[in-house]
Each structure stands twice: as structure tokens, then as C-alpha cells.
N, C-alpha and C. Protein backbone atom coordinates (compact mmCIF):
# COMPACT_ATOMS: atom_id res chain seq x y z
N MET A 1 0.85 -1.20 0.00
CA MET A 1 0.00 0.00 0.00
C MET A 1 0.87 1.24 0.00
N SER A 2 0.52 2.25 -0.79
CA SER A 2 1.33 3.46 -0.88
C SER A 2 1.14 4.31 0.35
N THR A 3 2.07 5.29 0.54
CA THR A 3 1.97 6.20 1.67
C THR A 3 0.68 7.00 1.61
N ALA A 4 0.32 7.47 0.41
CA ALA A 4 -0.90 8.26 0.26
C ALA A 4 -2.12 7.46 0.63
N SER A 5 -2.19 6.21 0.17
CA SER A 5 -3.34 5.38 0.48
C SER A 5 -3.43 5.10 1.96
N ALA A 6 -2.27 4.84 2.58
CA ALA A 6 -2.26 4.57 4.01
C ALA A 6 -2.77 5.76 4.78
N ALA A 7 -2.38 6.97 4.33
CA ALA A 7 -2.85 8.17 5.02
C ALA A 7 -4.35 8.32 4.88
N THR A 8 -4.87 7.90 3.73
CA THR A 8 -6.29 8.09 3.47
C THR A 8 -7.15 7.15 4.31
N VAL A 9 -6.72 5.92 4.51
CA VAL A 9 -7.56 4.93 5.17
C VAL A 9 -7.15 4.68 6.62
N HIS A 10 -6.10 5.33 7.08
CA HIS A 10 -5.63 5.09 8.44
C HIS A 10 -6.72 5.45 9.44
N PRO A 11 -7.10 4.52 10.32
CA PRO A 11 -8.17 4.81 11.28
C PRO A 11 -7.78 5.93 12.24
N GLY A 12 -8.71 6.80 12.53
CA GLY A 12 -8.46 7.89 13.46
C GLY A 12 -7.86 9.13 12.85
N THR A 13 -7.61 9.13 11.54
CA THR A 13 -7.03 10.29 10.88
C THR A 13 -8.12 11.24 10.40
N VAL A 14 -7.92 12.54 10.63
CA VAL A 14 -8.83 13.54 10.08
C VAL A 14 -8.04 14.41 9.10
N LEU A 15 -8.74 15.24 8.36
CA LEU A 15 -8.11 16.01 7.29
C LEU A 15 -6.94 16.85 7.79
N ALA A 16 -7.10 17.49 8.94
CA ALA A 16 -6.03 18.36 9.44
C ALA A 16 -4.75 17.60 9.72
N ASP A 17 -4.87 16.33 10.13
CA ASP A 17 -3.68 15.52 10.41
C ASP A 17 -2.85 15.30 9.15
N VAL A 18 -3.53 15.23 8.01
CA VAL A 18 -2.87 14.93 6.76
C VAL A 18 -2.42 16.19 6.04
N ILE A 19 -3.28 17.21 6.04
CA ILE A 19 -2.96 18.44 5.32
C ILE A 19 -1.94 19.28 6.07
N PHE A 20 -2.04 19.27 7.41
CA PHE A 20 -1.12 20.06 8.23
C PHE A 20 -0.36 19.16 9.20
N PRO A 21 0.50 18.30 8.69
CA PRO A 21 1.26 17.42 9.59
C PRO A 21 2.26 18.23 10.41
N ALA A 22 2.48 17.81 11.65
CA ALA A 22 3.51 18.46 12.46
C ALA A 22 4.87 18.18 11.84
N ARG A 23 5.74 19.17 11.85
CA ARG A 23 7.06 18.98 11.25
C ARG A 23 7.87 17.97 12.05
N ARG A 24 8.60 17.15 11.33
CA ARG A 24 9.41 16.14 11.99
C ARG A 24 10.64 16.79 12.63
N ALA A 25 11.13 16.16 13.67
CA ALA A 25 12.34 16.65 14.32
C ALA A 25 13.51 16.59 13.36
N ARG A 26 14.42 17.56 13.48
CA ARG A 26 15.56 17.61 12.57
C ARG A 26 16.59 16.54 12.87
N SER A 27 16.59 16.06 14.09
CA SER A 27 17.57 15.04 14.47
C SER A 27 17.36 13.77 13.68
N ALA A 28 18.44 13.22 13.17
CA ALA A 28 18.35 11.98 12.39
C ALA A 28 17.91 10.82 13.26
N ALA A 29 18.13 10.95 14.56
CA ALA A 29 17.78 9.86 15.47
C ALA A 29 16.28 9.78 15.73
N SER A 30 15.56 10.83 15.35
CA SER A 30 14.12 10.85 15.60
C SER A 30 13.39 11.22 14.33
N SER A 31 12.49 10.34 13.90
CA SER A 31 11.71 10.60 12.69
C SER A 31 10.32 11.13 13.00
N ALA A 32 9.96 11.17 14.29
CA ALA A 32 8.63 11.61 14.68
C ALA A 32 8.67 13.06 15.16
N PRO A 33 7.58 13.81 14.97
CA PRO A 33 7.53 15.18 15.46
C PRO A 33 7.62 15.20 16.99
N SER A 34 8.25 16.23 17.54
CA SER A 34 8.33 16.35 18.99
C SER A 34 6.99 16.79 19.54
N SER A 35 6.80 16.62 20.86
CA SER A 35 5.54 17.02 21.48
C SER A 35 5.31 18.52 21.35
N ARG A 36 6.38 19.31 21.38
CA ARG A 36 6.24 20.76 21.21
C ARG A 36 5.75 21.10 19.81
N GLN A 37 6.26 20.39 18.84
CA GLN A 37 5.84 20.65 17.46
C GLN A 37 4.37 20.29 17.26
N VAL A 38 3.96 19.18 17.84
CA VAL A 38 2.56 18.77 17.75
C VAL A 38 1.67 19.78 18.47
N LEU A 39 2.11 20.23 19.65
CA LEU A 39 1.33 21.21 20.42
C LEU A 39 1.19 22.53 19.65
N ALA A 40 2.29 22.97 19.04
CA ALA A 40 2.25 24.22 18.27
C ALA A 40 1.32 24.09 17.07
N ARG A 41 1.39 22.94 16.39
CA ARG A 41 0.49 22.71 15.26
C ARG A 41 -0.96 22.71 15.71
N ASP A 42 -1.25 21.99 16.80
CA ASP A 42 -2.62 21.90 17.28
C ASP A 42 -3.15 23.25 17.74
N ALA A 43 -2.30 24.04 18.41
CA ALA A 43 -2.72 25.37 18.87
C ALA A 43 -3.07 26.26 17.68
N ALA A 44 -2.26 26.19 16.63
CA ALA A 44 -2.53 26.99 15.44
C ALA A 44 -3.85 26.57 14.79
N LEU A 45 -4.12 25.27 14.76
CA LEU A 45 -5.36 24.78 14.17
C LEU A 45 -6.57 25.21 14.99
N VAL A 46 -6.44 25.18 16.31
CA VAL A 46 -7.54 25.59 17.19
C VAL A 46 -7.85 27.07 16.98
N VAL A 47 -6.82 27.90 16.97
CA VAL A 47 -7.02 29.34 16.77
C VAL A 47 -7.58 29.60 15.37
N GLY A 48 -7.05 28.91 14.38
CA GLY A 48 -7.54 29.09 13.02
C GLY A 48 -8.99 28.69 12.87
N GLY A 49 -9.39 27.60 13.53
CA GLY A 49 -10.78 27.16 13.48
C GLY A 49 -11.72 28.16 14.12
N ALA A 50 -11.29 28.74 15.24
CA ALA A 50 -12.10 29.77 15.90
C ALA A 50 -12.25 30.99 15.01
N ALA A 51 -11.14 31.40 14.38
CA ALA A 51 -11.18 32.56 13.49
C ALA A 51 -12.08 32.32 12.28
N LEU A 52 -12.00 31.11 11.72
CA LEU A 52 -12.85 30.78 10.58
C LEU A 52 -14.32 30.86 10.96
N THR A 53 -14.67 30.34 12.13
CA THR A 53 -16.06 30.39 12.59
C THR A 53 -16.51 31.82 12.80
N GLY A 54 -15.63 32.64 13.39
CA GLY A 54 -15.97 34.04 13.61
C GLY A 54 -16.18 34.80 12.31
N LEU A 55 -15.34 34.53 11.32
CA LEU A 55 -15.51 35.18 10.02
C LEU A 55 -16.79 34.72 9.34
N ALA A 56 -17.05 33.42 9.40
CA ALA A 56 -18.26 32.88 8.76
C ALA A 56 -19.53 33.42 9.41
N ALA A 57 -19.45 33.72 10.70
CA ALA A 57 -20.62 34.25 11.40
C ALA A 57 -21.04 35.62 10.87
N GLN A 58 -20.11 36.32 10.24
CA GLN A 58 -20.42 37.65 9.70
C GLN A 58 -21.18 37.56 8.38
N LEU A 59 -21.20 36.37 7.79
CA LEU A 59 -22.04 36.14 6.60
C LEU A 59 -23.45 35.87 7.10
N SER A 60 -24.21 36.91 7.25
CA SER A 60 -25.49 36.82 7.94
C SER A 60 -26.63 37.41 7.12
N VAL A 61 -27.75 36.69 7.11
CA VAL A 61 -28.95 37.15 6.41
C VAL A 61 -30.12 37.09 7.40
N PRO A 62 -30.73 38.22 7.74
CA PRO A 62 -31.86 38.21 8.68
C PRO A 62 -33.04 37.40 8.14
N VAL A 63 -33.74 36.74 9.04
CA VAL A 63 -34.93 35.97 8.68
C VAL A 63 -36.15 36.71 9.23
N PRO A 64 -37.07 37.14 8.38
CA PRO A 64 -38.27 37.85 8.86
C PRO A 64 -39.03 37.04 9.90
N GLY A 65 -39.33 37.67 11.03
CA GLY A 65 -40.09 37.00 12.07
C GLY A 65 -39.28 36.11 12.98
N SER A 66 -37.96 36.07 12.80
CA SER A 66 -37.12 35.23 13.64
C SER A 66 -35.95 36.05 14.19
N PRO A 67 -35.62 35.86 15.47
CA PRO A 67 -34.45 36.54 16.03
C PRO A 67 -33.14 35.85 15.66
N VAL A 68 -33.24 34.76 14.93
CA VAL A 68 -32.05 33.99 14.55
C VAL A 68 -31.79 34.17 13.06
N PRO A 69 -30.66 34.77 12.68
CA PRO A 69 -30.37 34.95 11.26
C PRO A 69 -29.76 33.70 10.64
N VAL A 70 -29.80 33.64 9.33
CA VAL A 70 -29.06 32.60 8.61
C VAL A 70 -27.61 33.06 8.52
N THR A 71 -26.69 32.25 8.99
CA THR A 71 -25.28 32.62 8.96
C THR A 71 -24.43 31.46 8.45
N GLY A 72 -23.16 31.75 8.24
CA GLY A 72 -22.23 30.70 7.84
C GLY A 72 -21.55 30.03 9.00
N GLN A 73 -21.87 30.46 10.24
CA GLN A 73 -21.12 29.94 11.38
C GLN A 73 -21.43 28.48 11.69
N THR A 74 -22.67 28.05 11.46
CA THR A 74 -22.98 26.65 11.75
C THR A 74 -22.22 25.72 10.81
N PHE A 75 -22.18 26.09 9.53
CA PHE A 75 -21.43 25.28 8.58
C PHE A 75 -19.95 25.28 8.93
N ALA A 76 -19.43 26.46 9.29
CA ALA A 76 -18.01 26.55 9.66
C ALA A 76 -17.72 25.69 10.89
N ALA A 77 -18.61 25.73 11.87
CA ALA A 77 -18.40 24.94 13.09
C ALA A 77 -18.35 23.45 12.79
N LEU A 78 -19.25 22.99 11.93
CA LEU A 78 -19.26 21.57 11.56
C LEU A 78 -18.04 21.21 10.72
N LEU A 79 -17.63 22.14 9.86
CA LEU A 79 -16.43 21.90 9.06
C LEU A 79 -15.19 21.84 9.93
N VAL A 80 -15.12 22.74 10.91
CA VAL A 80 -13.99 22.73 11.85
C VAL A 80 -13.95 21.42 12.63
N GLY A 81 -15.11 20.98 13.10
CA GLY A 81 -15.16 19.73 13.86
C GLY A 81 -14.72 18.53 13.05
N THR A 82 -15.23 18.41 11.82
CA THR A 82 -14.86 17.25 11.00
C THR A 82 -13.41 17.32 10.57
N SER A 83 -12.90 18.50 10.31
CA SER A 83 -11.54 18.64 9.81
C SER A 83 -10.49 18.49 10.91
N LEU A 84 -10.80 18.96 12.11
CA LEU A 84 -9.83 18.95 13.20
C LEU A 84 -9.96 17.74 14.13
N GLY A 85 -11.13 17.12 14.15
CA GLY A 85 -11.35 16.03 15.09
C GLY A 85 -12.02 16.54 16.35
N ALA A 86 -12.49 15.63 17.20
CA ALA A 86 -13.31 15.99 18.35
C ALA A 86 -12.61 16.93 19.32
N ARG A 87 -11.39 16.59 19.73
CA ARG A 87 -10.71 17.38 20.77
C ARG A 87 -10.38 18.78 20.27
N ARG A 88 -9.71 18.87 19.13
CA ARG A 88 -9.32 20.19 18.62
C ARG A 88 -10.54 20.98 18.15
N GLY A 89 -11.53 20.28 17.58
CA GLY A 89 -12.74 20.97 17.17
C GLY A 89 -13.47 21.57 18.35
N PHE A 90 -13.59 20.81 19.43
CA PHE A 90 -14.24 21.32 20.64
C PHE A 90 -13.48 22.51 21.21
N LEU A 91 -12.15 22.39 21.29
CA LEU A 91 -11.35 23.49 21.83
C LEU A 91 -11.47 24.74 20.96
N SER A 92 -11.54 24.54 19.66
CA SER A 92 -11.67 25.67 18.74
C SER A 92 -12.99 26.40 18.96
N LEU A 93 -14.08 25.65 19.06
CA LEU A 93 -15.38 26.28 19.29
C LEU A 93 -15.49 26.82 20.71
N ALA A 94 -14.79 26.20 21.66
CA ALA A 94 -14.76 26.74 23.02
C ALA A 94 -14.07 28.10 23.03
N LEU A 95 -12.97 28.22 22.28
CA LEU A 95 -12.28 29.50 22.18
C LEU A 95 -13.18 30.54 21.53
N TYR A 96 -13.84 30.16 20.46
CA TYR A 96 -14.78 31.05 19.78
C TYR A 96 -15.87 31.53 20.74
N THR A 97 -16.42 30.59 21.51
CA THR A 97 -17.50 30.91 22.44
C THR A 97 -17.02 31.82 23.57
N LEU A 98 -15.90 31.47 24.18
CA LEU A 98 -15.40 32.24 25.33
C LEU A 98 -15.01 33.66 24.94
N LEU A 99 -14.35 33.81 23.79
CA LEU A 99 -13.97 35.15 23.35
C LEU A 99 -15.20 35.99 23.00
N GLY A 100 -16.21 35.35 22.42
CA GLY A 100 -17.45 36.06 22.14
C GLY A 100 -18.17 36.48 23.41
N MET A 101 -18.17 35.61 24.41
CA MET A 101 -18.78 35.95 25.70
C MET A 101 -18.01 37.07 26.39
N ALA A 102 -16.70 37.12 26.14
CA ALA A 102 -15.87 38.15 26.76
C ALA A 102 -16.01 39.51 26.08
N GLY A 103 -16.71 39.56 24.96
CA GLY A 103 -16.96 40.84 24.31
C GLY A 103 -16.46 40.98 22.90
N LEU A 104 -15.74 39.99 22.38
CA LEU A 104 -15.27 40.08 21.00
C LEU A 104 -16.48 39.97 20.07
N PRO A 105 -16.73 40.98 19.23
CA PRO A 105 -17.96 40.99 18.42
C PRO A 105 -17.88 40.12 17.18
N TRP A 106 -17.79 38.81 17.39
CA TRP A 106 -17.70 37.93 16.22
C TRP A 106 -18.74 36.83 16.22
N PHE A 107 -19.80 36.99 17.05
CA PHE A 107 -20.96 36.14 16.88
C PHE A 107 -21.76 36.68 15.68
N ALA A 108 -22.88 36.06 15.39
CA ALA A 108 -23.68 36.46 14.22
C ALA A 108 -24.02 37.95 14.27
N GLU A 109 -23.90 38.61 13.13
CA GLU A 109 -24.21 40.03 12.97
C GLU A 109 -23.35 40.92 13.86
N GLY A 110 -22.13 40.48 14.15
CA GLY A 110 -21.22 41.29 14.94
C GLY A 110 -21.59 41.41 16.40
N SER A 111 -22.37 40.47 16.91
CA SER A 111 -22.80 40.53 18.31
C SER A 111 -21.79 39.82 19.21
N SER A 112 -22.00 39.96 20.51
CA SER A 112 -21.14 39.30 21.49
C SER A 112 -21.95 39.09 22.76
N GLY A 113 -21.38 38.33 23.70
CA GLY A 113 -22.05 38.08 24.96
C GLY A 113 -23.06 36.95 24.88
N ALA A 114 -23.58 36.58 26.06
CA ALA A 114 -24.52 35.47 26.13
C ALA A 114 -25.97 35.93 26.18
N ALA A 115 -26.20 37.24 26.28
CA ALA A 115 -27.56 37.77 26.44
C ALA A 115 -28.23 37.98 25.09
N MET A 116 -28.36 36.92 24.34
CA MET A 116 -29.06 37.01 23.05
C MET A 116 -29.80 35.70 22.84
N PRO A 117 -30.97 35.74 22.22
CA PRO A 117 -31.77 34.53 22.06
C PRO A 117 -31.08 33.42 21.28
N SER A 118 -30.16 33.79 20.40
CA SER A 118 -29.50 32.78 19.56
C SER A 118 -28.25 32.17 20.19
N PHE A 119 -27.96 32.54 21.44
CA PHE A 119 -26.73 32.02 22.06
C PHE A 119 -26.78 30.50 22.24
N GLY A 120 -27.98 29.95 22.35
CA GLY A 120 -28.10 28.50 22.47
C GLY A 120 -27.53 27.76 21.28
N TYR A 121 -27.61 28.38 20.11
CA TYR A 121 -27.04 27.76 18.91
C TYR A 121 -25.51 27.72 19.00
N VAL A 122 -24.93 28.74 19.62
CA VAL A 122 -23.48 28.74 19.82
C VAL A 122 -23.08 27.58 20.73
N LEU A 123 -23.84 27.40 21.81
CA LEU A 123 -23.57 26.27 22.71
C LEU A 123 -23.77 24.95 21.99
N GLY A 124 -24.78 24.89 21.15
CA GLY A 124 -25.02 23.67 20.37
C GLY A 124 -23.88 23.37 19.43
N MET A 125 -23.32 24.41 18.82
CA MET A 125 -22.18 24.22 17.92
C MET A 125 -20.97 23.68 18.67
N LEU A 126 -20.82 24.11 19.90
CA LEU A 126 -19.71 23.63 20.73
C LEU A 126 -19.78 22.11 20.89
N LEU A 127 -20.97 21.62 21.21
CA LEU A 127 -21.16 20.17 21.37
C LEU A 127 -21.11 19.45 20.03
N ALA A 128 -21.70 20.07 19.01
CA ALA A 128 -21.75 19.43 17.69
C ALA A 128 -20.36 19.27 17.10
N SER A 129 -19.47 20.22 17.34
CA SER A 129 -18.11 20.12 16.80
C SER A 129 -17.40 18.88 17.32
N ALA A 130 -17.62 18.58 18.60
CA ALA A 130 -17.01 17.39 19.18
C ALA A 130 -17.63 16.12 18.60
N ALA A 131 -18.94 16.14 18.42
CA ALA A 131 -19.63 14.95 17.90
C ALA A 131 -19.23 14.64 16.47
N VAL A 132 -19.23 15.65 15.60
CA VAL A 132 -18.86 15.39 14.20
C VAL A 132 -17.37 15.07 14.08
N GLY A 133 -16.57 15.64 14.99
CA GLY A 133 -15.15 15.31 14.99
C GLY A 133 -14.91 13.85 15.33
N ALA A 134 -15.69 13.34 16.30
CA ALA A 134 -15.57 11.93 16.67
C ALA A 134 -16.01 11.04 15.51
N LEU A 135 -17.07 11.43 14.82
CA LEU A 135 -17.53 10.66 13.67
C LEU A 135 -16.52 10.71 12.53
N ALA A 136 -15.89 11.86 12.34
CA ALA A 136 -14.89 11.99 11.28
C ALA A 136 -13.70 11.07 11.54
N ARG A 137 -13.33 10.91 12.79
CA ARG A 137 -12.22 10.00 13.12
C ARG A 137 -12.57 8.55 12.83
N ARG A 138 -13.85 8.29 12.64
CA ARG A 138 -14.31 6.95 12.26
C ARG A 138 -14.70 6.89 10.79
N GLY A 139 -14.21 7.85 10.02
CA GLY A 139 -14.48 7.85 8.58
C GLY A 139 -15.77 8.50 8.17
N GLY A 140 -16.38 9.29 9.06
CA GLY A 140 -17.67 9.89 8.77
C GLY A 140 -17.67 11.01 7.76
N ASP A 141 -16.49 11.37 7.23
CA ASP A 141 -16.43 12.42 6.21
C ASP A 141 -15.78 11.93 4.93
N ARG A 142 -15.67 10.61 4.76
CA ARG A 142 -14.93 10.08 3.61
C ARG A 142 -15.81 9.52 2.50
N GLY A 143 -17.08 9.54 2.69
CA GLY A 143 -18.01 9.10 1.66
C GLY A 143 -19.21 10.03 1.64
N VAL A 144 -19.93 10.05 0.55
CA VAL A 144 -21.05 10.98 0.39
C VAL A 144 -22.12 10.75 1.45
N LEU A 145 -22.60 9.53 1.56
CA LEU A 145 -23.68 9.24 2.51
C LEU A 145 -23.22 9.40 3.95
N ARG A 146 -21.99 8.99 4.24
CA ARG A 146 -21.48 9.15 5.60
C ARG A 146 -21.33 10.62 5.97
N THR A 147 -20.93 11.43 5.00
CA THR A 147 -20.80 12.87 5.26
C THR A 147 -22.16 13.50 5.54
N VAL A 148 -23.16 13.12 4.76
CA VAL A 148 -24.52 13.62 5.00
C VAL A 148 -24.98 13.23 6.40
N GLY A 149 -24.73 11.98 6.79
CA GLY A 149 -25.11 11.54 8.12
C GLY A 149 -24.40 12.31 9.22
N THR A 150 -23.11 12.56 9.02
CA THR A 150 -22.33 13.31 10.01
C THR A 150 -22.86 14.73 10.15
N MET A 151 -23.13 15.39 9.02
CA MET A 151 -23.67 16.75 9.06
C MET A 151 -25.06 16.77 9.71
N ALA A 152 -25.86 15.74 9.45
CA ALA A 152 -27.20 15.67 10.03
C ALA A 152 -27.13 15.54 11.55
N VAL A 153 -26.20 14.72 12.03
CA VAL A 153 -26.03 14.57 13.48
C VAL A 153 -25.62 15.90 14.10
N GLY A 154 -24.66 16.58 13.48
CA GLY A 154 -24.22 17.86 14.00
C GLY A 154 -25.33 18.89 14.02
N SER A 155 -26.10 18.97 12.94
CA SER A 155 -27.20 19.93 12.87
C SER A 155 -28.26 19.62 13.92
N ALA A 156 -28.55 18.33 14.12
CA ALA A 156 -29.55 17.94 15.11
C ALA A 156 -29.14 18.37 16.51
N ILE A 157 -27.86 18.24 16.82
CA ILE A 157 -27.36 18.66 18.14
C ILE A 157 -27.50 20.17 18.31
N ILE A 158 -27.15 20.91 17.26
CA ILE A 158 -27.26 22.38 17.33
C ILE A 158 -28.70 22.80 17.62
N TYR A 159 -29.64 22.20 16.90
CA TYR A 159 -31.05 22.55 17.12
C TYR A 159 -31.56 22.05 18.46
N ALA A 160 -31.09 20.90 18.90
CA ALA A 160 -31.55 20.34 20.17
C ALA A 160 -31.21 21.25 21.34
N VAL A 161 -30.13 22.00 21.20
CA VAL A 161 -29.75 22.97 22.24
C VAL A 161 -30.31 24.35 21.92
N GLY A 162 -30.21 24.76 20.66
CA GLY A 162 -30.57 26.12 20.28
C GLY A 162 -32.05 26.44 20.37
N VAL A 163 -32.90 25.51 19.95
CA VAL A 163 -34.34 25.79 19.92
C VAL A 163 -34.93 25.92 21.33
N PRO A 164 -34.68 24.99 22.26
CA PRO A 164 -35.19 25.19 23.63
C PRO A 164 -34.63 26.45 24.29
N TYR A 165 -33.35 26.75 24.02
CA TYR A 165 -32.75 27.97 24.57
C TYR A 165 -33.48 29.19 24.03
N LEU A 166 -33.80 29.18 22.74
CA LEU A 166 -34.53 30.29 22.13
C LEU A 166 -35.90 30.46 22.79
N ALA A 167 -36.57 29.35 23.05
CA ALA A 167 -37.89 29.42 23.69
C ALA A 167 -37.80 30.07 25.07
N LEU A 168 -36.78 29.69 25.83
CA LEU A 168 -36.61 30.26 27.17
C LEU A 168 -36.18 31.72 27.11
N ALA A 169 -35.22 32.02 26.25
CA ALA A 169 -34.68 33.38 26.18
C ALA A 169 -35.68 34.38 25.64
N ALA A 170 -36.49 33.95 24.67
CA ALA A 170 -37.46 34.85 24.06
C ALA A 170 -38.84 34.76 24.71
N ASP A 171 -38.97 33.87 25.70
CA ASP A 171 -40.23 33.67 26.41
C ASP A 171 -41.37 33.34 25.45
N ILE A 172 -41.11 32.33 24.63
CA ILE A 172 -42.12 31.85 23.69
C ILE A 172 -42.29 30.35 23.89
N SER A 173 -43.32 29.78 23.29
CA SER A 173 -43.55 28.34 23.42
C SER A 173 -42.53 27.57 22.57
N LEU A 174 -42.41 26.29 22.86
CA LEU A 174 -41.47 25.47 22.10
C LEU A 174 -41.88 25.38 20.64
N SER A 175 -43.20 25.29 20.39
CA SER A 175 -43.66 25.23 19.00
C SER A 175 -43.35 26.53 18.26
N GLN A 176 -43.46 27.65 18.94
CA GLN A 176 -43.09 28.93 18.33
C GLN A 176 -41.60 29.00 18.06
N ALA A 177 -40.82 28.44 18.98
CA ALA A 177 -39.37 28.42 18.80
C ALA A 177 -38.98 27.55 17.62
N VAL A 178 -39.68 26.44 17.45
CA VAL A 178 -39.42 25.58 16.28
C VAL A 178 -39.74 26.33 15.00
N ALA A 179 -40.87 27.04 14.99
CA ALA A 179 -41.28 27.79 13.80
C ALA A 179 -40.32 28.92 13.48
N ALA A 180 -39.74 29.53 14.53
CA ALA A 180 -38.85 30.68 14.32
C ALA A 180 -37.39 30.28 14.19
N GLY A 181 -37.02 29.19 14.87
CA GLY A 181 -35.59 28.87 14.96
C GLY A 181 -35.16 27.56 14.36
N LEU A 182 -36.06 26.86 13.67
CA LEU A 182 -35.69 25.61 13.02
C LEU A 182 -36.23 25.53 11.59
N THR A 183 -37.55 25.64 11.46
CA THR A 183 -38.17 25.45 10.15
C THR A 183 -37.59 26.34 9.05
N PRO A 184 -37.34 27.64 9.31
CA PRO A 184 -36.83 28.49 8.22
C PRO A 184 -35.43 28.12 7.74
N PHE A 185 -34.74 27.27 8.51
CA PHE A 185 -33.34 27.00 8.19
C PHE A 185 -33.11 25.62 7.56
N LEU A 186 -34.18 24.85 7.38
CA LEU A 186 -34.02 23.49 6.87
C LEU A 186 -33.47 23.46 5.44
N ILE A 187 -33.94 24.37 4.60
CA ILE A 187 -33.43 24.39 3.22
C ILE A 187 -31.96 24.77 3.21
N GLY A 188 -31.60 25.77 4.02
CA GLY A 188 -30.20 26.16 4.11
C GLY A 188 -29.33 25.03 4.62
N ASP A 189 -29.83 24.27 5.58
CA ASP A 189 -29.07 23.14 6.10
C ASP A 189 -28.87 22.08 5.03
N ALA A 190 -29.89 21.89 4.20
CA ALA A 190 -29.75 20.91 3.11
C ALA A 190 -28.68 21.36 2.13
N LEU A 191 -28.62 22.66 1.85
CA LEU A 191 -27.59 23.17 0.95
C LEU A 191 -26.20 23.03 1.56
N LYS A 192 -26.09 23.29 2.86
CA LYS A 192 -24.80 23.14 3.54
C LYS A 192 -24.35 21.68 3.52
N ALA A 193 -25.31 20.77 3.74
CA ALA A 193 -24.97 19.35 3.70
C ALA A 193 -24.50 18.95 2.31
N ALA A 194 -25.15 19.51 1.29
CA ALA A 194 -24.74 19.20 -0.09
C ALA A 194 -23.33 19.71 -0.36
N LEU A 195 -23.02 20.90 0.17
CA LEU A 195 -21.67 21.45 -0.01
C LEU A 195 -20.63 20.57 0.68
N ALA A 196 -20.92 20.17 1.91
CA ALA A 196 -20.00 19.29 2.63
C ALA A 196 -19.89 17.94 1.95
N MET A 197 -21.01 17.46 1.42
CA MET A 197 -21.06 16.17 0.74
C MET A 197 -20.12 16.15 -0.46
N GLY A 198 -19.98 17.31 -1.10
CA GLY A 198 -19.06 17.39 -2.23
C GLY A 198 -17.64 17.68 -1.81
N ALA A 199 -17.46 18.56 -0.81
CA ALA A 199 -16.13 19.04 -0.46
C ALA A 199 -15.29 18.03 0.32
N LEU A 200 -15.86 17.43 1.35
CA LEU A 200 -15.05 16.58 2.24
C LEU A 200 -14.58 15.29 1.57
N PRO A 201 -15.49 14.49 0.97
CA PRO A 201 -14.99 13.29 0.29
C PRO A 201 -14.03 13.61 -0.85
N THR A 202 -14.27 14.74 -1.54
CA THR A 202 -13.36 15.13 -2.62
C THR A 202 -11.98 15.44 -2.08
N ALA A 203 -11.92 16.10 -0.93
CA ALA A 203 -10.62 16.40 -0.32
C ALA A 203 -9.85 15.12 -0.02
N TRP A 204 -10.54 14.10 0.48
CA TRP A 204 -9.87 12.83 0.76
C TRP A 204 -9.39 12.16 -0.52
N LYS A 205 -10.17 12.27 -1.58
CA LYS A 205 -9.75 11.69 -2.85
C LYS A 205 -8.50 12.39 -3.38
N LEU A 206 -8.46 13.71 -3.26
CA LEU A 206 -7.28 14.46 -3.71
C LEU A 206 -6.05 14.10 -2.90
N ILE A 207 -6.23 13.91 -1.60
CA ILE A 207 -5.11 13.50 -0.75
C ILE A 207 -4.59 12.15 -1.19
N GLY A 208 -5.51 11.24 -1.50
CA GLY A 208 -5.09 9.91 -1.93
C GLY A 208 -4.31 9.93 -3.23
N ARG A 209 -4.61 10.89 -4.10
CA ARG A 209 -3.93 10.96 -5.39
C ARG A 209 -2.59 11.68 -5.30
N ARG A 210 -2.52 12.73 -4.44
CA ARG A 210 -1.35 13.60 -4.45
C ARG A 210 -0.38 13.33 -3.31
N GLY A 211 -0.79 12.48 -2.37
CA GLY A 211 0.10 12.21 -1.26
C GLY A 211 -0.40 12.85 0.01
N PRO A 212 0.20 12.55 1.15
CA PRO A 212 -0.30 12.99 2.43
C PRO A 212 -0.07 14.44 2.77
N SER A 213 0.71 15.19 2.00
CA SER A 213 0.90 16.61 2.29
C SER A 213 0.89 17.38 0.99
N PHE A 214 0.37 18.61 1.04
CA PHE A 214 0.22 19.43 -0.15
C PHE A 214 1.39 20.38 -0.30
């Protein structure tokens, strides 16, 4: 089996492990990256994932009758989770969440803090990033149907946290929260799943053809 193929099918590998490998130690006696090199690589990925989510959150379209806008942050959060894996994905979204709570205006529509009806979706993304990352480590992003399933699980977690939080924060019934904070976004979620369905398996195919590093 070639090196590229081994990288593609190796259990527990996610895209970030292959695209951004930690640099190997210069010493001839050691062919493996040092713990410091791995830590530096992982820290950069965590910060980069948080920044990507913050930037995507600014791609926002208001939804009439709903306090929750359509944004790119949910897709970014799921992409970060699948690409980085459960641990780094969770840490990345935790950094995004904590900095936003501290006042950095990079939640949807340039908002910050926890005092907003849509904050439950941010908490949901935190959990979803870990879930999709765990699925990705089991190959959940390497085939079309598996990618759709992984995205569906992540989206379900986001709504399972975000919709009840919206009902409590906005003082509305759960059915009203579903109508305002779930139903209007189903078509968008389908489009995001289709995008991931094309992008993630294709990335693995390209890695298999070109080798484990770009």
C-alpha cells in the first residue's frame, strides 16, 4: 500500500492531520515530530478554526419574524469539527464561544455576549463540533452518505440545544421556537450538507492521489 493510500484509510485520521502534519524533528535519530511541534500545530489549528467560525458568522442574512439569522457559522463549526477532530474541534469552538462571551464581536451580525436569544445555537455548535469530529475520526467524512449523516447529526445537536434555549430566552412556546428557529433553516441546512457532501470526500480523494501533504 502506498503512503498516500495509508494516510487516506488510516483509522483515526482527520483532514487536518494529513494536510497540516507536524514537522518532523531535525535530528536523524528521531523521525517523529516532537511534542512541542505537535502542540504548536494543534494550537494553530484551534485558533484558526475559531477565526474561521468568527468570520463565517459575519455572513449573515436576517430571517423575517425570527431573532435567529441565517449565517455561515454553523457550517463553519461543523467543518472545523470534522476537519480537526473531536478534541481540537471542541477546543476551537470553546475559544470562539469564550472570546465572544468576553466581548469580542464575532458572533452572528457582529454581536457578542450570552444575552441574546440565539446564544443556544453557539452552545449547540460547541457540542456538535465534538460529535462530528468523533464521527470523522471513524471515517464519517470520507463518503457521500457518511458525510450527510455526520452533518445531520451535527445539525440535530445544534437545534436540540438552540431551539429550547430560544424558547426560554425569548419567552415563547417550544412550537413557536421551532417555527422561528428551526423550520426556516431546513433548506439552508440541506444546501450546507450538499456542499459538505461534495467538499469533504473530494478532499480525501485528492489527498489519496497527491500524497499525504500538499
